[in-house]
N, C-alpha and C. Protein backbone atom coordinates (compact mmCIF):
# COMPACT_ATOMS: atom_id res chain seq x y z
N MET A 1 43.86 -89.18 81.10
CA MET A 1 44.38 -87.92 80.75
C MET A 1 43.64 -86.74 81.41
N HIS A 2 44.73 -85.71 81.55
CA HIS A 2 44.18 -84.79 82.22
C HIS A 2 44.16 -83.23 81.32
N ASP A 3 43.10 -82.73 81.61
CA ASP A 3 42.87 -81.55 80.49
C ASP A 3 43.18 -80.22 81.23
N PRO A 4 44.23 -79.77 80.73
CA PRO A 4 44.80 -78.54 81.75
C PRO A 4 43.79 -77.05 81.43
N ASP A 5 42.83 -77.55 80.64
CA ASP A 5 42.00 -76.12 80.49
C ASP A 5 40.72 -76.46 81.50
N LYS A 6 40.43 -77.74 81.96
CA LYS A 6 39.25 -78.10 82.74
C LYS A 6 39.96 -78.93 83.96
N ASP A 7 39.07 -78.63 84.73
CA ASP A 7 39.31 -79.29 86.24
C ASP A 7 38.72 -80.87 86.24
N GLU A 8 39.00 -81.63 85.44
CA GLU A 8 38.64 -82.92 85.17
C GLU A 8 39.80 -84.03 84.62
N VAL A 9 39.51 -85.06 84.72
CA VAL A 9 40.49 -86.04 84.42
C VAL A 9 39.40 -87.14 83.40
N ARG A 10 40.03 -87.65 82.70
CA ARG A 10 39.31 -88.57 81.53
C ARG A 10 40.22 -89.76 81.59
N ILE A 11 39.50 -90.95 81.35
CA ILE A 11 40.18 -92.19 81.28
C ILE A 11 40.47 -92.60 79.84
N ASN A 12 41.54 -92.95 79.52
CA ASN A 12 41.75 -93.38 78.24
C ASN A 12 40.71 -94.36 77.50
N ALA A 13 40.34 -93.95 76.20
CA ALA A 13 39.14 -94.52 75.57
C ALA A 13 39.32 -95.95 75.53
N ASP A 14 40.61 -96.70 75.13
CA ASP A 14 40.92 -98.04 75.35
C ASP A 14 40.51 -98.69 76.49
N LEU A 15 40.82 -98.06 77.77
CA LEU A 15 40.62 -98.64 79.06
C LEU A 15 38.96 -98.33 79.27
N ARG A 16 38.70 -97.37 79.05
CA ARG A 16 37.00 -96.97 79.17
C ARG A 16 36.23 -98.30 78.52
N ARG A 17 36.58 -98.64 77.48
CA ARG A 17 35.79 -99.67 76.95
C ARG A 17 36.01 -101.07 77.64
N LYS A 18 36.57 -101.34 78.40
CA LYS A 18 37.03 -102.55 79.23
C LYS A 18 36.21 -102.31 80.66
N VAL A 19 35.84 -101.00 81.09
CA VAL A 19 35.35 -101.06 82.03
C VAL A 19 33.59 -100.74 82.20
N THR A 20 32.82 -101.26 83.14
CA THR A 20 31.37 -101.18 83.19
C THR A 20 31.11 -100.44 84.42
N PHE A 21 30.21 -99.31 84.42
CA PHE A 21 29.82 -98.64 85.64
C PHE A 21 27.96 -98.98 85.57
N LYS A 22 27.75 -99.20 86.89
CA LYS A 22 26.43 -99.45 87.21
C LYS A 22 26.25 -98.83 88.39
N HIS A 23 24.71 -98.34 88.62
CA HIS A 23 24.07 -98.26 89.74
C HIS A 23 23.44 -99.32 90.35
N HIS A 24 23.66 -99.67 91.72
CA HIS A 24 23.02 -100.64 92.26
C HIS A 24 22.59 -100.15 93.71
N ASN A 25 21.53 -100.92 94.03
CA ASN A 25 20.60 -100.67 95.32
C ASN A 25 21.33 -101.67 95.86
N LEU A 26 22.12 -101.70 96.86
CA LEU A 26 22.79 -102.94 97.68
C LEU A 26 21.99 -103.61 98.63
N VAL A 27 21.00 -102.99 98.86
CA VAL A 27 19.97 -103.65 99.90
C VAL A 27 19.17 -104.80 99.27
N ASP A 28 18.63 -104.37 97.88
CA ASP A 28 17.55 -105.28 97.05
C ASP A 28 18.72 -106.35 96.13
N GLU A 29 17.94 -107.32 96.02
CA GLU A 29 18.31 -108.53 95.31
C GLU A 29 17.16 -108.77 94.16
N PRO A 30 17.72 -109.38 93.03
CA PRO A 30 19.06 -109.59 92.66
C PRO A 30 19.39 -108.22 92.06
N TYR A 31 21.07 -108.61 92.54
CA TYR A 31 21.90 -107.63 91.69
C TYR A 31 21.88 -107.38 90.05
N PRO A 32 21.98 -106.14 89.64
CA PRO A 32 21.83 -106.33 88.21
C PRO A 32 23.26 -106.90 87.46
N ALA A 33 24.25 -107.31 88.13
CA ALA A 33 25.45 -107.60 87.79
C ALA A 33 25.13 -108.87 87.09
N SER A 34 25.60 -109.01 85.60
CA SER A 34 25.48 -110.17 84.91
C SER A 34 26.62 -111.15 84.90
N ARG A 35 27.69 -110.65 85.64
CA ARG A 35 29.14 -111.61 85.62
C ARG A 35 29.60 -111.53 86.73
N ILE A 36 30.58 -112.35 87.17
CA ILE A 36 31.62 -111.92 88.15
C ILE A 36 32.42 -110.65 87.84
N THR A 37 33.00 -109.97 88.89
CA THR A 37 33.75 -108.81 88.45
C THR A 37 35.11 -109.26 89.30
N ASP A 38 36.05 -108.32 88.84
CA ASP A 38 37.41 -108.23 89.42
C ASP A 38 37.37 -107.30 90.39
N ILE A 39 36.74 -106.32 90.70
CA ILE A 39 36.88 -105.11 91.50
C ILE A 39 35.73 -104.58 91.74
N VAL A 40 35.43 -104.23 93.32
CA VAL A 40 34.35 -103.57 93.82
C VAL A 40 34.91 -102.26 94.51
N PHE A 41 34.27 -101.18 94.28
CA PHE A 41 34.57 -100.16 95.14
C PHE A 41 33.39 -99.59 95.78
N CYS A 42 33.42 -99.69 97.17
CA CYS A 42 32.14 -99.50 97.96
C CYS A 42 32.64 -98.59 99.12
N ARG A 43 33.03 -97.44 98.79
CA ARG A 43 33.55 -96.49 99.67
C ARG A 43 32.75 -95.34 100.34
N ASN A 44 32.61 -95.36 101.76
CA ASN A 44 31.94 -94.36 102.54
C ASN A 44 30.42 -95.09 102.34
N LEU A 45 30.01 -95.92 102.05
CA LEU A 45 28.60 -96.57 102.23
C LEU A 45 27.99 -97.18 103.29
N LEU A 46 28.97 -98.23 103.79
CA LEU A 46 28.36 -98.96 104.84
C LEU A 46 28.18 -98.62 105.99
N ILE A 47 28.64 -97.20 106.07
CA ILE A 47 28.52 -96.52 107.41
C ILE A 47 27.21 -96.21 107.51
N TYR A 48 26.26 -96.24 106.36
CA TYR A 48 24.71 -95.86 106.52
C TYR A 48 23.83 -96.96 106.84
N PHE A 49 24.51 -98.16 106.95
CA PHE A 49 23.51 -99.29 107.42
C PHE A 49 24.09 -99.94 108.58
N ASP A 50 23.22 -100.64 109.30
CA ASP A 50 23.08 -101.18 110.56
C ASP A 50 24.25 -102.38 110.33
N ARG A 51 24.77 -102.94 111.48
CA ARG A 51 25.95 -103.95 111.32
C ARG A 51 25.35 -105.42 110.26
N THR A 52 24.05 -105.80 110.55
CA THR A 52 23.20 -106.89 110.06
C THR A 52 23.36 -106.56 108.56
N THR A 53 22.71 -105.40 108.08
CA THR A 53 22.79 -105.14 106.99
C THR A 53 23.92 -104.88 106.12
N GLN A 54 25.03 -104.45 106.84
CA GLN A 54 26.39 -104.24 106.39
C GLN A 54 26.91 -106.02 105.93
N LYS A 55 26.78 -106.70 106.94
CA LYS A 55 27.05 -108.19 106.29
C LYS A 55 26.36 -108.80 105.30
N VAL A 56 25.03 -108.45 105.28
CA VAL A 56 24.15 -108.84 104.25
C VAL A 56 24.71 -108.42 102.74
N VAL A 57 24.91 -106.98 102.74
CA VAL A 57 25.62 -106.54 101.65
C VAL A 57 26.95 -106.76 101.43
N LEU A 58 27.74 -107.07 102.10
CA LEU A 58 29.37 -107.66 101.98
C LEU A 58 29.22 -108.88 101.51
N SER A 59 28.14 -109.81 101.96
CA SER A 59 28.05 -111.11 101.63
C SER A 59 27.70 -111.11 100.15
N ARG A 60 26.39 -110.59 99.89
CA ARG A 60 26.27 -110.37 98.35
C ARG A 60 27.41 -109.99 97.40
N LEU A 61 28.16 -108.95 97.71
CA LEU A 61 28.99 -108.24 97.09
C LEU A 61 30.27 -109.40 96.73
N CYS A 62 30.37 -110.36 97.86
CA CYS A 62 31.48 -111.38 97.52
C CYS A 62 31.03 -112.15 96.85
N ARG A 63 29.86 -112.73 96.76
CA ARG A 63 29.34 -113.55 95.50
C ARG A 63 29.62 -113.07 94.24
N TYR A 64 29.61 -111.64 93.88
CA TYR A 64 29.89 -111.02 92.57
C TYR A 64 31.24 -110.98 92.33
N LEU A 65 32.19 -110.92 93.32
CA LEU A 65 33.39 -110.89 93.44
C LEU A 65 34.39 -111.79 93.02
N ARG A 66 35.11 -112.00 92.02
CA ARG A 66 35.69 -113.31 91.70
C ARG A 66 36.87 -113.67 92.68
N PRO A 67 37.09 -115.00 93.19
CA PRO A 67 38.40 -115.21 93.85
C PRO A 67 39.58 -114.48 93.39
N GLY A 68 40.41 -113.69 94.41
CA GLY A 68 41.51 -112.89 93.66
C GLY A 68 41.30 -111.70 93.42
N GLY A 69 40.04 -111.41 93.42
CA GLY A 69 39.50 -110.04 93.32
C GLY A 69 39.55 -109.10 94.23
N TYR A 70 39.47 -107.65 94.27
CA TYR A 70 39.70 -106.68 95.19
C TYR A 70 38.46 -105.86 95.47
N LEU A 71 38.10 -105.85 97.00
CA LEU A 71 37.07 -104.81 97.58
C LEU A 71 37.69 -103.85 98.25
N PHE A 72 37.38 -102.57 97.82
CA PHE A 72 37.80 -101.34 98.49
C PHE A 72 36.80 -100.52 99.22
N LEU A 73 37.08 -100.63 100.46
CA LEU A 73 36.17 -99.80 101.37
C LEU A 73 36.80 -98.33 101.67
N GLY A 74 35.79 -97.54 102.39
CA GLY A 74 36.48 -96.52 102.66
C GLY A 74 36.83 -96.35 104.33
N HIS A 75 37.76 -95.44 104.68
CA HIS A 75 38.25 -95.39 105.95
C HIS A 75 37.29 -95.47 106.93
N SER A 76 36.14 -94.93 106.89
CA SER A 76 35.17 -94.41 107.86
C SER A 76 34.26 -95.92 107.82
N GLU A 77 34.52 -97.03 107.21
CA GLU A 77 33.59 -98.18 107.26
C GLU A 77 33.57 -99.03 108.65
N GLY A 78 35.16 -98.80 109.00
CA GLY A 78 35.26 -99.77 110.50
C GLY A 78 35.61 -101.13 109.94
N SER A 79 35.76 -101.85 111.08
CA SER A 79 36.24 -103.27 110.91
C SER A 79 35.36 -104.10 110.40
N ILE A 80 35.60 -105.16 109.54
CA ILE A 80 34.75 -106.27 108.93
C ILE A 80 35.32 -107.83 109.19
N ALA A 81 36.39 -107.44 110.17
CA ALA A 81 36.99 -108.46 110.67
C ALA A 81 36.01 -110.05 111.36
N ASP A 82 35.06 -109.41 112.09
CA ASP A 82 33.99 -110.08 112.55
C ASP A 82 32.67 -110.58 111.87
N LEU A 83 32.82 -110.28 110.48
CA LEU A 83 31.75 -110.68 109.58
C LEU A 83 31.84 -112.15 109.29
N ASN A 84 33.27 -112.90 109.06
CA ASN A 84 33.37 -114.19 108.29
C ASN A 84 32.83 -114.25 107.18
N LEU A 85 33.87 -113.25 106.22
CA LEU A 85 33.60 -113.00 104.82
C LEU A 85 34.75 -113.53 104.37
N PRO A 86 34.80 -114.27 102.89
CA PRO A 86 35.98 -114.55 102.41
C PRO A 86 36.79 -113.69 101.88
N LEU A 87 36.88 -112.81 102.75
CA LEU A 87 37.83 -111.31 102.35
C LEU A 87 39.17 -111.55 103.26
N ARG A 88 40.42 -111.17 102.63
CA ARG A 88 41.65 -110.98 103.38
C ARG A 88 42.00 -109.41 103.41
N ALA A 89 42.03 -108.88 104.46
CA ALA A 89 43.01 -107.57 104.54
C ALA A 89 44.18 -107.68 103.98
N VAL A 90 44.40 -106.81 102.84
CA VAL A 90 45.89 -106.43 102.03
C VAL A 90 46.50 -105.32 102.33
N ALA A 91 45.47 -104.23 102.92
CA ALA A 91 46.13 -103.00 103.19
C ALA A 91 45.00 -102.36 103.87
N PRO A 92 44.79 -101.26 104.70
CA PRO A 92 43.87 -100.97 105.62
C PRO A 92 42.31 -100.90 105.30
N THR A 93 42.37 -100.62 103.71
CA THR A 93 40.90 -100.51 103.18
C THR A 93 40.56 -101.23 101.91
N THR A 94 41.72 -102.35 102.08
CA THR A 94 41.66 -103.22 100.68
C THR A 94 41.41 -104.55 101.08
N PHE A 95 40.65 -105.08 100.38
CA PHE A 95 40.42 -106.70 100.91
C PHE A 95 40.37 -107.66 99.58
N LEU A 96 41.21 -108.66 99.52
CA LEU A 96 41.14 -109.88 98.54
C LEU A 96 40.16 -110.75 98.71
N ARG A 97 39.39 -110.93 97.83
CA ARG A 97 38.75 -112.25 97.99
C ARG A 97 39.26 -113.61 97.64
N GLU A 98 39.02 -114.09 98.59
CA GLU A 98 39.66 -115.86 98.85
C GLU A 98 38.59 -116.75 98.17
N GLU A 99 39.17 -117.82 98.08
CA GLU A 99 38.70 -119.04 97.54
C GLU A 99 37.36 -119.40 98.48
N ASP A 100 36.21 -119.64 97.85
CA ASP A 100 35.12 -120.13 98.99
C ASP A 100 35.73 -121.10 99.79
N ARG A 101 35.19 -120.86 101.03
CA ARG A 101 35.50 -121.84 102.39
C ARG A 101 34.57 -123.05 102.49
């Protein structure tokens, strides 16, 4: 909902109770995720890693993303097609986690 007196938007309380936000250092393992997730937003972050680290980070994120879940990247991330990940592009920066190969 939008508060017209403030320049902010708040998520409905019922929805907020169903969402978990956590900080992660994507280079370190283990990740502090305690369960498989449905959606991961990783926008405009991978551009700061070399190609090898990008593959490591995305491989780890895929382990925590359930098959059928979505990964959102930023427009500046570039292509991930050559990384051999269980992801299928469904839009320019949106990927669907496929079943394990």
